[in-house]
């Protein structure tokens, strides 16, 4: 079932293959460009299905992580290392985040979201700003997540919102859906709400897989 609310499209109960098909439909017409993708457990089965589809010519694409933990790329907590291992054999150029990086305008910003409303590594305690003058920041979540207690490097809201489209994958979590709906309604000022405001101000379409 697809629900349309203003310029946000919510797609219910899609599996990784269905999400991969949506991504392919969005990207397959272009031979080159840049996308930014999330870490965590949710995106990798989707990326694997996207690779298996064979519909993307990865050699023309730059892939930027939304964020990363400040660890070596061969560390199990490294988003960049996992993305690189999956996509560079397909020909993609995976870019590691650095504080002096100059992210491009993205064809697509793909994000996850935490139950506390954080996006990328823009946690509530970091007070991310819609008009941040820096595209990349090094930050320390507070509290540090127990599964990944590391400082972070992350794209900021303006860098994430420099895009043609935004897609969220919420992984079927009811608590995340409730936080997202509250942000969309203007009932909280969490990082997710600020990103949605930035997208709305720029006329950027948002798609949400619950």
Protein backbone atom coordinates (compact mmCIF):
# COMPACT_ATOMS: atom_id res chain seq x y z
CA UNK A 1 0.00 0.00 0.00
CA UNK A 2 1.30 3.46 -0.90
CA UNK A 3 0.16 6.51 1.04
CA UNK A 4 0.85 10.02 -0.27
CA UNK A 5 1.01 12.88 2.22
CA UNK A 6 1.93 16.26 0.77
CA UNK A 7 5.27 15.70 -1.03
CA UNK A 8 6.16 12.65 1.08
CA UNK A 9 5.41 9.18 -0.26
CA UNK A 10 5.21 6.34 2.26
CA UNK A 11 5.55 2.78 0.96
CA UNK A 12 4.50 0.10 3.39
CA UNK A 13 6.04 -3.34 3.94
CA UNK A 14 8.51 -3.39 1.03
CA UNK A 15 11.16 -6.10 1.13
CA UNK A 16 14.82 -5.50 0.13
CA UNK A 17 14.21 -6.56 -3.46
CA UNK A 18 11.29 -4.17 -3.86
CA UNK A 19 13.36 -1.32 -2.44
CA UNK A 20 16.25 -2.29 -4.75
CA UNK A 21 13.85 -2.16 -7.70
CA UNK A 22 12.76 1.34 -6.66
CA UNK A 23 16.38 2.45 -6.40
CA UNK A 24 17.15 0.98 -9.80
CA UNK A 25 14.17 2.76 -11.35
CA UNK A 26 15.47 6.00 -9.86
CA UNK A 27 19.11 5.61 -10.93
CA UNK A 28 19.28 3.34 -13.96
CA UNK A 29 18.59 6.09 -16.49
CA UNK A 30 21.81 7.91 -15.59
CA UNK A 31 25.26 6.66 -16.51
CA UNK A 32 27.06 8.67 -13.84
CA UNK A 33 26.43 10.64 -10.69
CA UNK A 34 26.78 10.53 -6.93
CA UNK A 35 24.66 9.04 -4.19
CA UNK A 36 25.02 8.93 -0.43
CA UNK A 37 24.03 5.78 1.43
CA UNK A 38 23.57 4.80 5.09
CA UNK A 39 25.46 2.28 7.17
CA UNK A 40 24.00 -0.11 9.70
CA UNK A 41 22.36 -3.43 8.94
CA UNK A 42 19.37 -2.33 6.85
CA UNK A 43 21.01 -1.13 3.60
CA UNK A 44 23.33 -4.02 2.81
CA UNK A 45 20.69 -6.62 1.81
CA UNK A 46 19.12 -3.89 -0.35
CA UNK A 47 22.46 -3.04 -1.96
CA UNK A 48 23.11 -6.73 -2.55
CA UNK A 49 19.74 -7.06 -4.30
CA UNK A 50 20.50 -3.95 -6.34
CA UNK A 51 23.83 -5.40 -7.47
CA UNK A 52 22.17 -8.73 -8.30
CA UNK A 53 19.64 -6.94 -10.51
CA UNK A 54 22.45 -5.78 -12.80
CA UNK A 55 20.55 -2.61 -13.65
CA UNK A 56 23.13 -0.06 -12.47
CA UNK A 57 26.38 0.61 -14.31
CA UNK A 58 28.36 1.32 -11.16
CA UNK A 59 31.54 2.45 -12.92
CA UNK A 60 30.08 5.92 -13.42
CA UNK A 61 28.96 6.43 -9.83
CA UNK A 62 30.51 7.96 -6.74
CA UNK A 63 29.13 6.51 -3.51
CA UNK A 64 29.49 8.50 -0.30
CA UNK A 65 28.59 7.16 3.14
CA UNK A 66 26.21 9.42 5.07
CA UNK A 67 28.51 9.06 8.04
CA UNK A 68 31.07 6.80 9.63
CA UNK A 69 32.59 5.80 12.92
CA UNK A 70 36.14 7.07 13.51
CA UNK A 71 37.76 3.67 13.09
CA UNK A 72 40.04 2.11 10.44
CA UNK A 73 38.23 0.91 7.35
CA UNK A 74 39.06 -2.71 8.16
CA UNK A 75 37.29 -2.38 11.53
CA UNK A 76 33.94 -4.19 11.74
CA UNK A 77 32.26 -0.89 12.70
CA UNK A 78 33.40 0.96 9.56
CA UNK A 79 30.56 1.89 7.21
CA UNK A 80 33.01 2.95 4.51
CA UNK A 81 34.86 -0.34 4.62
CA UNK A 82 31.67 -2.36 4.23
CA UNK A 83 30.37 -0.16 1.41
CA UNK A 84 33.73 -0.27 -0.34
CA UNK A 85 33.92 -4.07 -0.09
CA UNK A 86 30.46 -4.41 -1.62
CA UNK A 87 30.50 -1.78 -4.36
CA UNK A 88 34.07 -1.23 -5.50
CA UNK A 89 34.24 -4.71 -7.09
CA UNK A 90 31.26 -3.55 -9.16
CA UNK A 91 33.22 -0.51 -10.36
CA UNK A 92 31.80 2.19 -8.05
CA UNK A 93 34.11 4.85 -6.63
CA UNK A 94 33.51 4.88 -2.86
CA UNK A 95 34.52 8.13 -1.15
CA UNK A 96 35.58 8.15 2.49
CA UNK A 97 34.42 11.12 4.54
CA UNK A 98 36.97 13.67 5.72
CA UNK A 99 36.52 17.05 7.35
CA UNK A 100 37.93 18.80 4.27
CA UNK A 101 35.76 16.83 1.84
CA UNK A 102 33.60 18.64 -0.70
CA UNK A 103 30.52 16.49 -1.22
CA UNK A 104 28.80 16.88 -4.60
CA UNK A 105 25.17 17.44 -5.40
CA UNK A 106 23.68 13.97 -5.02
CA UNK A 107 21.32 12.25 -7.41
CA UNK A 108 19.90 10.55 -4.32
CA UNK A 109 20.30 10.83 -0.56
CA UNK A 110 19.43 7.50 1.05
CA UNK A 111 19.09 7.64 4.83
CA UNK A 112 18.20 5.48 7.76
CA UNK A 113 16.88 6.89 11.02
CA UNK A 114 17.31 5.94 14.65
CA UNK A 115 14.43 5.68 17.15
CA UNK A 116 15.79 8.87 18.73
CA UNK A 117 15.29 10.71 15.44
CA UNK A 118 18.94 10.82 14.43
CA UNK A 119 19.96 10.72 10.77
CA UNK A 120 23.49 9.94 9.60
CA UNK A 121 25.45 10.78 12.78
CA UNK A 122 23.41 13.89 13.47
CA UNK A 123 22.18 12.85 16.91
CA UNK A 124 19.84 15.07 18.95
CA UNK A 125 22.65 16.22 21.26
CA UNK A 126 24.65 17.56 18.27
CA UNK A 127 21.97 20.17 17.47
CA UNK A 128 22.40 19.99 13.67
CA UNK A 129 21.56 23.18 11.83
CA UNK A 130 19.73 23.52 8.52
CA UNK A 131 22.09 26.34 7.54
CA UNK A 132 25.33 24.72 8.74
CA UNK A 133 28.23 26.25 6.81
CA UNK A 134 30.25 23.02 6.94
CA UNK A 135 29.29 20.05 4.75
CA UNK A 136 31.11 17.55 6.99
CA UNK A 137 31.53 17.51 10.78
CA UNK A 138 33.22 15.34 13.35
CA UNK A 139 30.84 14.76 16.27
CA UNK A 140 30.46 12.77 19.46
CA UNK A 141 27.02 11.23 20.13
CA UNK A 142 25.80 11.55 23.71
CA UNK A 143 25.05 8.99 24.90
CA UNK A 144 27.43 6.90 22.84
CA UNK A 145 25.55 3.93 21.32
CA UNK A 146 26.63 0.79 23.16
CA UNK A 147 26.98 -1.20 19.92
CA UNK A 148 29.29 1.41 18.37
CA UNK A 149 30.85 3.67 21.04
CA UNK A 150 32.93 5.81 18.70
CA UNK A 151 33.24 9.41 17.62
CA UNK A 152 31.64 10.02 14.22
CA UNK A 153 32.19 11.90 11.00
CA UNK A 154 29.04 12.87 9.16
CA UNK A 155 27.50 14.83 6.35
CA UNK A 156 25.54 17.80 7.69
CA UNK A 157 21.95 18.70 6.85
CA UNK A 158 22.88 21.06 3.97
CA UNK A 159 25.10 18.38 2.41
CA UNK A 160 22.40 15.71 2.77
CA UNK A 161 19.80 18.09 1.34
CA UNK A 162 21.93 18.91 -1.72
CA UNK A 163 20.13 16.22 -3.67
CA UNK A 164 17.47 15.48 -6.25
CA UNK A 165 15.56 13.15 -3.92
CA UNK A 166 15.60 11.69 -0.41
CA UNK A 167 14.69 8.12 0.50
CA UNK A 168 14.41 6.66 4.00
CA UNK A 169 14.49 2.97 4.90
CA UNK A 170 13.09 2.47 8.40
CA UNK A 171 13.48 -1.32 8.55
CA UNK A 172 9.95 -2.12 9.70
CA UNK A 173 10.35 -0.56 13.15
CA UNK A 174 7.11 0.80 14.61
CA UNK A 175 8.93 3.15 16.98
CA UNK A 176 10.83 4.72 14.09
CA UNK A 177 7.62 5.14 12.11
CA UNK A 178 6.03 6.99 15.04
CA UNK A 179 9.01 9.33 15.35
CA UNK A 180 8.97 9.99 11.62
CA UNK A 181 5.26 10.77 11.61
CA UNK A 182 5.69 13.17 14.52
CA UNK A 183 8.53 14.90 12.68
CA UNK A 184 6.46 15.18 9.51
CA UNK A 185 3.60 16.69 11.49
CA UNK A 186 5.90 19.24 13.13
CA UNK A 187 5.46 17.69 16.56
CA UNK A 188 9.17 17.41 17.29
CA UNK A 189 12.39 19.22 16.39
CA UNK A 190 14.63 16.18 16.13
CA UNK A 191 17.28 15.92 13.40
CA UNK A 192 14.83 14.04 11.18
CA UNK A 193 12.37 16.94 11.44
CA UNK A 194 15.05 19.45 10.49
CA UNK A 195 16.06 17.42 7.44
CA UNK A 196 12.42 17.17 6.35
CA UNK A 197 12.07 20.94 6.69
CA UNK A 198 15.19 21.44 4.59
CA UNK A 199 13.86 19.07 1.94
CA UNK A 200 10.48 20.81 1.92
CA UNK A 201 12.10 24.24 1.57
CA UNK A 202 14.04 23.01 -1.47
CA UNK A 203 11.12 21.14 -3.05
CA UNK A 204 12.89 17.80 -2.73
CA UNK A 205 10.64 14.72 -2.92
CA UNK A 206 10.90 12.31 0.01
CA UNK A 207 10.09 8.59 -0.18
CA UNK A 208 9.85 6.48 2.99
CA UNK A 209 9.99 2.69 3.11
CA UNK A 210 8.57 1.73 6.50
